[in-house]
Amino acid sequence: MILEVAILNLIPGSEDDFVLAFAKAQSIISSMPGYISHKLKRCLENESRFILLVEWQTLEDHTVGFRQSAQYQEWKSLLHHFYNPFPVVEHYEEVVFQ
């Protein structure tokens, strides 16, 4: 399992519209092959900052399967205009202790 982490800094004042758009967009990502789950959380200290956590079966499910899909274009049109600056997206894997 891979965890995608994106810190989303929004244009101040666009938060409510972003939440409404994300409510629509989440059905796009959740329908993708390899998708496991997602959470959107809002920062308590900065109301214009959110964090998106998405679990994927593999890295390629996100970087190839989702980002190179037609559905990604719809996701992009719904959400990308809210970001300033554009978010850095990183991927994490579980640390296994022996």
Protein backbone atom coordinates (compact mmCIF):
# COMPACT_ATOMS: atom_id res chain seq x y z
CA MET A 1 0.00 0.00 0.00
CA ILE A 2 1.24 3.48 -0.93
CA LEU A 3 0.10 6.67 0.81
CA GLU A 4 -0.17 9.76 -1.35
CA VAL A 5 0.19 12.96 0.69
CA ALA A 6 -0.69 16.38 -0.73
CA ILE A 7 -0.69 19.61 1.26
CA LEU A 8 -3.22 21.87 -0.42
CA ASN A 9 -2.78 25.60 0.07
CA LEU A 10 -5.87 27.34 -1.28
CA ILE A 11 -6.50 30.85 -2.46
CA PRO A 12 -7.89 32.54 0.68
CA GLY A 13 -11.66 32.89 0.52
CA SER A 14 -12.13 29.89 -1.76
CA GLU A 15 -12.37 27.27 0.99
CA ASP A 16 -16.15 26.71 0.91
CA ASP A 17 -16.19 26.42 -2.89
CA PHE A 18 -13.25 24.00 -2.73
CA VAL A 19 -15.08 21.76 -0.25
CA LEU A 20 -18.14 21.69 -2.54
CA ALA A 21 -15.98 20.88 -5.57
CA PHE A 22 -14.10 18.19 -3.66
CA ALA A 23 -17.42 16.58 -2.70
CA LYS A 24 -17.98 16.04 -6.43
CA ALA A 25 -14.36 15.16 -7.26
CA GLN A 26 -14.01 12.45 -4.63
CA SER A 27 -16.24 10.13 -6.64
CA ILE A 28 -13.74 10.38 -9.50
CA ILE A 29 -10.73 9.27 -7.50
CA SER A 30 -12.62 6.61 -5.58
CA SER A 31 -13.65 4.94 -8.86
CA MET A 32 -10.07 4.47 -10.08
CA PRO A 33 -8.34 1.07 -10.25
CA GLY A 34 -5.98 0.61 -7.32
CA TYR A 35 -7.73 3.17 -5.13
CA ILE A 36 -8.14 2.07 -1.50
CA SER A 37 -9.31 5.10 0.50
CA HIS A 38 -8.92 8.83 1.01
CA LYS A 39 -9.27 11.51 3.67
CA LEU A 40 -9.40 15.28 3.35
CA LYS A 41 -8.47 17.21 6.49
CA ARG A 42 -8.55 20.95 7.18
CA CYS A 43 -5.77 22.68 9.10
CA LEU A 44 -6.82 24.23 12.41
CA GLU A 45 -4.10 26.89 12.34
CA ASN A 46 -4.59 27.95 8.70
CA GLU A 47 -8.15 27.69 7.34
CA SER A 48 -6.86 27.89 3.75
CA ARG A 49 -4.72 24.74 4.12
CA PHE A 50 -5.96 21.18 3.69
CA ILE A 51 -4.19 17.84 3.53
CA LEU A 52 -5.27 15.07 1.19
CA LEU A 53 -4.31 11.49 2.07
CA VAL A 54 -5.01 8.81 -0.53
CA GLU A 55 -4.15 5.14 -0.20
CA TRP A 56 -3.30 3.30 -3.42
CA GLN A 57 -2.40 -0.33 -4.00
CA THR A 58 0.71 0.70 -5.99
CA LEU A 59 2.56 3.90 -6.87
CA GLU A 60 1.67 3.37 -10.54
CA ASP A 61 -2.04 3.23 -9.73
CA HIS A 62 -1.70 6.92 -8.88
CA THR A 63 1.10 8.19 -11.11
CA VAL A 64 0.07 6.34 -14.27
CA GLY A 65 -3.43 4.93 -13.84
CA PHE A 66 -4.98 8.06 -12.37
CA ARG A 67 -2.81 10.92 -13.60
CA GLN A 68 -2.81 9.70 -17.20
CA SER A 69 -6.56 9.02 -17.29
CA ALA A 70 -9.42 10.99 -18.81
CA GLN A 71 -10.93 11.13 -15.31
CA TYR A 72 -7.88 13.07 -14.10
CA GLN A 73 -8.75 15.85 -16.54
CA GLU A 74 -12.15 16.19 -14.86
CA TRP A 75 -10.50 16.12 -11.38
CA LYS A 76 -8.10 18.79 -12.56
CA SER A 77 -10.86 21.06 -13.89
CA LEU A 78 -12.80 20.76 -10.64
CA LEU A 79 -9.92 21.39 -8.23
CA HIS A 80 -6.67 22.75 -9.62
CA HIS A 81 -7.78 26.38 -9.88
CA PHE A 82 -8.13 26.57 -6.06
CA TYR A 83 -4.42 25.96 -5.35
CA ASN A 84 -1.81 28.64 -4.72
CA PRO A 85 0.87 27.45 -5.01
CA PHE A 86 0.30 24.14 -6.76
CA PRO A 87 0.74 21.34 -4.19
CA VAL A 88 3.73 19.10 -3.88
CA VAL A 89 2.54 15.48 -3.87
CA GLU A 90 4.66 12.83 -2.19
CA HIS A 91 4.27 9.09 -1.78
CA TYR A 92 5.04 7.06 1.33
CA GLU A 93 5.35 3.38 2.12
CA GLU A 94 5.06 1.57 5.43
CA VAL A 95 8.21 1.14 7.49
CA VAL A 96 8.48 -2.50 8.49
CA PHE A 97 10.31 -3.24 11.73
CA GLN A 98 11.94 -6.62 12.08
